[in-house]
Amino acid sequence: RATTRQDDLAVRLGGDEFVLVMPGVDHERAVEVVTMIHKLFTRQAHTMFPNSKDLDLSYGIASLVGDACPDTKALLRTADQRLYKNKGATSR
């Protein structure tokens, strides 16, 4: 909540997957928010688990308008594809 607005909605989909809905936010601002969340996560993870090097955060960003997603199902699918693309890029 420290990096989100009052109108934003954070939802746990299950397991370790979460969705952050940010109405009216463009791609650049979404990247800024995710970058801040990643920094906060990394800082907190290293504080809580100083000996663990395996804790990380991956994300995929998608937009109903910017990605021309016709519905929320397509939006989540696009975000999920980008999430796995980012995971592959960081695990190499």
Protein backbone atom coordinates (compact mmCIF):
# COMPACT_ATOMS: atom_id res chain seq x y z
CA ARG A 1 0.00 0.00 0.00
CA ALA A 2 2.97 2.33 0.48
CA THR A 3 3.41 2.66 -3.29
CA THR A 4 -0.22 2.55 -4.44
CA ARG A 5 -3.05 5.03 -4.61
CA GLN A 6 -6.36 4.76 -2.79
CA ASP A 7 -8.13 3.75 -6.03
CA ASP A 8 -5.65 0.97 -6.82
CA LEU A 9 -6.61 -2.60 -6.01
CA ALA A 10 -4.20 -5.34 -4.97
CA VAL A 11 -5.57 -8.88 -5.18
CA ARG A 12 -4.01 -12.27 -4.47
CA LEU A 13 -4.89 -14.68 -7.29
CA GLY A 14 -3.48 -17.68 -5.45
CA GLY A 15 -0.18 -19.06 -4.31
CA ASP A 16 2.43 -16.40 -4.97
CA GLU A 17 0.55 -14.58 -7.74
CA PHE A 18 -0.89 -11.13 -7.20
CA VAL A 19 -2.56 -8.55 -9.42
CA LEU A 20 -2.33 -4.81 -8.96
CA VAL A 21 -5.08 -2.93 -10.79
CA MET A 22 -4.18 0.73 -11.35
CA PRO A 23 -7.02 2.55 -13.16
CA GLY A 24 -5.93 5.39 -15.43
CA VAL A 25 -2.20 4.66 -15.11
CA ASP A 26 -0.08 4.64 -18.26
CA HIS A 27 2.68 2.12 -18.95
CA GLU A 28 5.52 4.38 -17.80
CA ARG A 29 3.88 5.04 -14.43
CA ALA A 30 3.10 1.33 -14.02
CA VAL A 31 6.80 0.56 -14.54
CA GLU A 32 7.71 3.19 -11.93
CA VAL A 33 5.30 1.66 -9.39
CA VAL A 34 6.50 -1.89 -10.05
CA THR A 35 10.12 -0.73 -9.72
CA MET A 36 9.33 0.83 -6.34
CA ILE A 37 7.52 -2.32 -5.20
CA HIS A 38 10.47 -4.45 -6.34
CA LYS A 39 12.93 -2.28 -4.38
CA LEU A 40 10.76 -2.44 -1.26
CA PHE A 41 10.37 -6.21 -1.62
CA THR A 42 14.11 -6.73 -2.04
CA ARG A 43 14.94 -4.55 0.95
CA GLN A 44 12.38 -6.29 3.16
CA ALA A 45 13.38 -9.77 1.99
CA HIS A 46 17.06 -9.14 2.74
CA THR A 47 16.16 -7.73 6.15
CA MET A 48 13.99 -10.72 7.06
CA PHE A 49 16.16 -13.40 5.39
CA PRO A 50 19.72 -12.02 5.19
CA ASN A 51 21.27 -15.34 4.13
CA SER A 52 18.87 -16.04 1.27
CA LYS A 53 19.89 -15.06 -2.24
CA ASP A 54 16.93 -16.78 -3.97
CA LEU A 55 14.13 -14.35 -3.06
CA ASP A 56 13.01 -12.21 -5.96
CA LEU A 57 9.98 -10.67 -7.56
CA SER A 58 8.88 -11.06 -11.18
CA TYR A 59 6.13 -9.10 -12.89
CA GLY A 60 4.24 -8.62 -16.11
CA ILE A 61 2.56 -5.36 -17.04
CA ALA A 62 -0.48 -5.15 -19.32
CA SER A 63 -3.04 -2.48 -20.19
CA LEU A 64 -6.63 -2.81 -21.39
CA VAL A 65 -6.18 0.22 -23.65
CA GLY A 66 -2.47 0.14 -24.48
CA ASP A 67 -2.46 -3.57 -25.32
CA ALA A 68 -5.94 -3.50 -26.88
CA CYS A 69 -7.14 -6.28 -24.60
CA PRO A 70 -10.84 -6.88 -25.26
CA ASP A 71 -11.54 -8.12 -21.73
CA THR A 72 -9.98 -8.90 -18.36
CA LYS A 73 -9.19 -12.48 -19.37
CA ALA A 74 -7.03 -11.24 -22.24
CA LEU A 75 -5.49 -8.62 -19.95
CA LEU A 76 -4.45 -11.25 -17.39
CA ARG A 77 -3.16 -13.55 -20.15
CA THR A 78 -1.01 -10.73 -21.56
CA ALA A 79 0.36 -9.86 -18.12
CA ASP A 80 1.05 -13.55 -17.42
CA GLN A 81 2.95 -13.96 -20.71
CA ARG A 82 5.10 -10.96 -19.86
CA LEU A 83 5.64 -12.25 -16.33
CA TYR A 84 7.06 -15.52 -17.63
CA LYS A 85 9.14 -13.70 -20.22
CA ASN A 86 10.65 -11.58 -17.41
CA LYS A 87 11.26 -14.66 -15.26
CA GLY A 88 13.16 -16.28 -18.11
CA ALA A 89 15.25 -13.15 -18.66
CA THR A 90 16.25 -12.86 -15.00
CA SER A 91 17.04 -16.54 -14.44
CA ARG A 92 19.80 -16.67 -17.04
